[in-house]
C-alpha atoms as a PDB file:
ATOM      1  CA  MET A   1     -14.622  83.843 123.621  1.00  0.00           C
ATOM      2  CA  ASN A   2     -14.847  85.582 120.269  1.00  0.00           C
ATOM      3  CA  THR A   3     -12.393  88.247 121.410  1.00  0.00           C
ATOM      4  CA  VAL A   4      -9.858  85.611 122.452  1.00  0.00           C
ATOM      5  CA  LYS A   5     -10.263  83.836 119.111  1.00  0.00           C
ATOM      6  CA  LYS A   6      -9.762  87.122 117.252  1.00  0.00           C
ATOM      7  CA  LEU A   7      -6.619  87.960 119.233  1.00  0.00           C
ATOM      8  CA  HIS A   8      -5.227  84.478 118.606  1.00  0.00           C
ATOM      9  CA  GLN A   9      -5.772  84.890 114.860  1.00  0.00           C
ATOM     10  CA  ASN A  10      -3.941  88.222 114.866  1.00  0.00           C
ATOM     11  CA  LYS A  11      -0.903  86.856 116.763  1.00  0.00           C
ATOM     12  CA  GLN A  12      -0.197  83.857 114.484  1.00  0.00           C
ATOM     13  CA  ASN A  13       0.670  81.714 117.536  1.00  0.00           C
ATOM     14  CA  LYS A  14      -1.806  80.607 120.149  1.00  0.00           C
ATOM     15  CA  ASP A  15       0.162  81.805 123.157  1.00  0.00           C
ATOM     16  CA  PHE A  16      -1.272  82.930 126.485  1.00  0.00           C
ATOM     17  CA  ILE A  17      -2.832  86.418 126.541  1.00  0.00           C
ATOM     18  CA  LYS A  18      -3.136  88.547 129.673  1.00  0.00           C
ATOM     19  CA  SER A  19      -6.680  88.477 130.972  1.00  0.00           C
ATOM     20  CA  ALA A  20      -6.603  92.246 131.555  1.00  0.00           C
ATOM     21  CA  ARG A  21      -5.983  92.726 127.816  1.00  0.00           C
ATOM     22  CA  ILE A  22      -8.959  90.572 126.921  1.00  0.00           C
ATOM     23  CA  ILE A  23     -11.282  92.234 129.430  1.00  0.00           C
ATOM     24  CA  GLY A  24     -10.196  95.698 128.269  1.00  0.00           C
ATOM     25  CA  GLU A  25     -10.760  94.752 124.648  1.00  0.00           C
ATOM     26  CA  VAL A  26     -14.292  93.537 125.388  1.00  0.00           C
ATOM     27  CA  MET A  27     -15.150  96.618 127.463  1.00  0.00           C
ATOM     28  CA  GLY A  28     -13.813  98.914 124.737  1.00  0.00           C
ATOM     29  CA  HIS A  29     -16.262  97.580 122.165  1.00  0.00           C
ATOM     30  CA  LEU A  30     -19.416  97.776 124.291  1.00  0.00           C
ATOM     31  CA  ASP A  31     -22.062 100.452 123.941  1.00  0.00           C
ATOM     32  CA  GLN A  32     -23.212 100.075 127.527  1.00  0.00           C
ATOM     33  CA  TYR A  33     -21.254 100.074 130.756  1.00  0.00           C
ATOM     34  CA  ILE A  34     -20.701  96.721 132.417  1.00  0.00           C
ATOM     35  CA  GLY A  35     -18.065  96.610 135.133  1.00  0.00           C
ATOM     36  CA  ASP A  36     -14.813  94.722 134.793  1.00  0.00           C
ATOM     37  CA  HIS A  37     -15.704  92.603 137.826  1.00  0.00           C
ATOM     38  CA  PHE A  38     -18.410  90.840 135.838  1.00  0.00           C
ATOM     39  CA  PHE A  39     -16.050  90.107 132.960  1.00  0.00           C
ATOM     40  CA  GLU A  40     -13.368  88.772 135.283  1.00  0.00           C
ATOM     41  CA  TYR A  41     -15.959  86.563 136.975  1.00  0.00           C
ATOM     42  CA  ARG A  42     -17.028  85.287 133.565  1.00  0.00           C
ATOM     43  CA  VAL A  43     -13.440  84.518 132.502  1.00  0.00           C
ATOM     44  CA  ARG A  44     -12.844  82.630 135.748  1.00  0.00           C
ATOM     45  CA  ARG A  45     -16.014  80.581 135.246  1.00  0.00           C
ATOM     46  CA  LEU A  46     -14.877  79.675 131.718  1.00  0.00           C
ATOM     47  CA  ILE A  47     -11.550  78.534 133.191  1.00  0.00           C
ATOM     48  CA  VAL A  48     -13.364  76.334 135.736  1.00  0.00           C
ATOM     49  CA  ASN A  49     -15.613  74.927 132.983  1.00  0.00           C
ATOM     50  CA  GLY A  50     -12.557  73.947 130.920  1.00  0.00           C
ATOM     51  CA  VAL A  51     -12.973  76.383 128.040  1.00  0.00           C
ATOM     52  CA  PHE A  52      -9.747  78.329 128.788  1.00  0.00           C
ATOM     53  CA  ASP A  53      -6.316  77.236 130.007  1.00  0.00           C
ATOM     54  CA  LEU A  54      -4.768  79.251 132.818  1.00  0.00           C
ATOM     55  CA  GLU A  55      -1.195  80.405 133.365  1.00  0.00           C
ATOM     56  CA  GLY A  56      -0.364  82.280 136.558  1.00  0.00           C
ATOM     57  CA  VAL A  57      -2.204  83.001 139.785  1.00  0.00           C
ATOM     58  CA  PRO A  58      -5.843  84.107 139.425  1.00  0.00           C
ATOM     59  CA  LYS A  59      -5.896  86.537 142.345  1.00  0.00           C
ATOM     60  CA  ALA A  60      -6.333  89.581 140.085  1.00  0.00           C
ATOM     61  CA  MET A  61      -6.702  89.975 136.329  1.00  0.00           C
ATOM     62  CA  ARG A  62      -3.167  91.279 135.822  1.00  0.00           C
ATOM     63  CA  TYR A  63      -1.590  88.179 137.396  1.00  0.00           C
ATOM     64  CA  TYR A  64      -2.841  85.504 135.009  1.00  0.00           C
ATOM     65  CA  SER A  65      -3.081  84.773 131.322  1.00  0.00           C
ATOM     66  CA  ILE A  66      -5.465  82.568 129.382  1.00  0.00           C
ATOM     67  CA  LYS A  67      -5.791  80.791 126.059  1.00  0.00           C
ATOM     68  CA  ILE A  68      -8.428  78.615 124.428  1.00  0.00           C
ATOM     69  CA  ARG A  69      -7.982  74.890 124.946  1.00  0.00           C
END
């Protein structure tokens, strides 16, 4: 969630951001290896819980975008 907030602050508008961009950004700043499947699962759970809004089809991370509600 912090990564999405940071990207929204840098863009000036709170538009949808590709989920692959967010997952890549998070993975790039980690010291340990955690697979992208876990991060995509986590993003999808946050969508279901109502934290993120969804645009697109969530069949793979490159097909949908998210933003904070």
